[in-house]
Amino acid sequence: MSTQVSFSKLEKEFLPHFREQISTSEDIVDVQKYFSHTIKEMLQKAFGKDEIIVNEEDIELTSTAPYYSIKNMGMSIQHIWENSDLKDIIKRFAEVAHKRYLHLQKNPSKTNKKIRR
C-alpha cells in the first residue's frame, strides 16, 4: 500500500484569492486566465519550480468533468500525482471556475460591457 500525500494546506492557501478573482472576473477569458495561473502556481509550489515545468497554456478548463486538463506535466511527478489529493483539489478549483464560466456564458451582456485596452 502506498502513502497518500495531502496538499490540503495548499488548497487553503490558494482558495480565498482564487474565489475572489473568479467572482470578479468579467468574461470567460478572465476565468480561464485566473484558473490556469492559479493552478500553475499551486503545482510549482507543490512540486518545486525545477521539478515541474507547466505553462499556463498547458492548463485549461473543459466543458466535461473533471472540468480541466493539464498537458505536458511530465513523468517525474506522476507517482505523487497518482498518490495524492492534488487531482481532487484541482477538480474543486475547476468546478468553481466552471460555474462562473457557465454564468458568464449565459449573461453575455456583462461580458460585452468590459472595456478592453
Protein backbone atom coordinates (compact mmCIF):
# COMPACT_ATOMS: atom_id res chain seq x y z
CA MET A 1 0.00 0.00 0.00
CA SER A 2 1.40 3.40 -0.97
CA THR A 3 1.44 6.51 1.15
CA GLN A 4 -1.16 9.16 0.43
CA VAL A 5 0.25 12.70 0.21
CA SER A 6 -2.00 15.59 1.15
CA PHE A 7 -1.88 19.08 -0.31
CA SER A 8 -4.84 20.47 1.63
CA LYS A 9 -2.66 23.27 3.05
CA LEU A 10 -2.07 24.48 -0.50
CA GLU A 11 -5.79 24.43 -1.16
CA LYS A 12 -6.46 26.55 1.93
CA GLU A 13 -3.69 28.94 0.92
CA PHE A 14 -4.81 29.48 -2.69
CA LEU A 15 -8.60 29.13 -2.49
CA PRO A 16 -9.64 32.50 -0.97
CA HIS A 17 -7.75 34.60 -3.50
CA PHE A 18 -8.85 32.32 -6.34
CA ARG A 19 -12.52 32.64 -5.38
CA GLU A 20 -12.16 36.42 -5.26
CA GLN A 21 -10.55 36.53 -8.70
CA ILE A 22 -13.15 34.23 -10.23
CA SER A 23 -16.11 36.04 -8.71
CA THR A 24 -14.89 39.39 -10.04
CA SER A 25 -13.98 38.08 -13.49
CA GLU A 26 -15.87 39.91 -16.20
CA ASP A 27 -15.58 37.46 -19.07
CA ILE A 28 -14.79 33.85 -19.82
CA VAL A 29 -11.24 34.72 -20.91
CA ASP A 30 -10.55 36.05 -17.41
CA VAL A 31 -11.93 32.87 -15.84
CA GLN A 32 -9.56 30.73 -17.92
CA LYS A 33 -6.64 33.05 -17.20
CA TYR A 34 -7.19 33.09 -13.42
CA PHE A 35 -7.70 29.33 -13.32
CA SER A 36 -4.58 28.45 -15.30
CA HIS A 37 -2.40 30.95 -13.42
CA THR A 38 -3.56 29.72 -10.01
CA ILE A 39 -3.11 26.04 -10.86
CA LYS A 40 0.34 26.70 -12.31
CA GLU A 41 1.39 28.49 -9.13
CA MET A 42 -0.06 25.75 -6.95
CA LEU A 43 1.70 22.97 -8.89
CA GLN A 44 5.00 24.82 -8.77
CA LYS A 45 4.68 25.28 -5.03
CA ALA A 46 3.71 21.64 -4.53
CA PHE A 47 6.49 20.14 -6.63
CA GLY A 48 9.09 22.87 -6.83
CA LYS A 49 9.69 25.11 -9.81
CA ASP A 50 12.53 22.94 -11.11
CA GLU A 51 10.63 19.65 -10.93
CA ILE A 52 7.53 20.74 -12.82
CA ILE A 53 7.58 22.87 -15.91
CA VAL A 54 3.98 23.68 -16.76
CA ASN A 55 2.96 26.70 -18.79
CA GLU A 56 -0.36 28.42 -18.31
CA GLU A 57 -1.26 27.39 -21.86
CA ASP A 58 -0.97 23.73 -20.76
CA ILE A 59 -3.75 24.17 -18.18
CA GLU A 60 -7.26 24.67 -19.47
CA LEU A 61 -10.86 24.44 -18.42
CA THR A 62 -13.00 21.89 -20.19
CA SER A 63 -16.75 21.50 -20.54
CA THR A 64 -16.86 17.99 -19.08
CA ALA A 65 -15.89 16.64 -15.66
CA PRO A 66 -13.32 16.96 -14.13
CA TYR A 67 -13.52 20.33 -15.96
CA TYR A 68 -9.77 20.70 -16.51
CA SER A 69 -6.89 19.23 -18.45
CA ILE A 70 -3.16 19.58 -17.93
CA LYS A 71 -0.82 18.84 -20.82
CA ASN A 72 2.93 18.23 -20.65
CA MET A 73 3.08 17.71 -16.90
CA GLY A 74 5.99 15.31 -17.11
CA MET A 75 6.55 11.83 -15.81
CA SER A 76 8.80 12.89 -12.91
CA ILE A 77 5.80 13.80 -10.74
CA GLN A 78 3.46 11.03 -11.86
CA HIS A 79 3.89 8.95 -8.68
CA ILE A 80 3.00 11.86 -6.38
CA TRP A 81 0.17 12.92 -8.71
CA GLU A 82 -1.38 9.46 -8.54
CA ASN A 83 -0.92 9.09 -4.76
CA SER A 84 -2.14 12.45 -3.52
CA ASP A 85 -5.28 14.53 -3.21
CA LEU A 86 -3.98 17.06 -5.72
CA LYS A 87 -6.26 15.84 -8.53
CA ASP A 88 -9.29 16.32 -6.27
CA ILE A 89 -8.14 19.76 -5.14
CA ILE A 90 -7.67 20.95 -8.72
CA LYS A 91 -11.04 19.45 -9.60
CA ARG A 92 -12.68 21.60 -6.90
CA PHE A 93 -10.94 24.70 -8.26
CA ALA A 94 -12.09 23.75 -11.76
CA GLU A 95 -15.69 23.33 -10.58
CA VAL A 96 -15.66 26.86 -9.14
CA ALA A 97 -14.26 28.25 -12.38
CA HIS A 98 -16.66 26.17 -14.49
CA LYS A 99 -19.69 27.54 -12.63
CA ARG A 100 -18.52 31.11 -13.21
CA TYR A 101 -17.79 30.28 -16.85
CA LEU A 102 -21.35 29.00 -17.32
CA HIS A 103 -22.79 32.05 -15.58
CA LEU A 104 -20.88 34.44 -17.82
CA GLN A 105 -21.78 32.42 -20.89
CA LYS A 106 -25.49 32.77 -20.04
CA ASN A 107 -25.14 36.52 -19.48
CA PRO A 108 -23.11 37.85 -22.42
CA SER A 109 -24.27 41.42 -21.83
CA LYS A 110 -21.95 41.61 -18.83
CA THR A 111 -19.06 40.40 -20.96
CA ASN A 112 -19.77 42.95 -23.69
CA LYS A 113 -19.60 45.83 -21.21
CA LYS A 114 -15.97 45.13 -20.40
CA ILE A 115 -13.62 47.76 -21.73
CA ARG A 116 -10.54 46.31 -23.41
CA ARG A 117 -7.33 48.29 -23.75
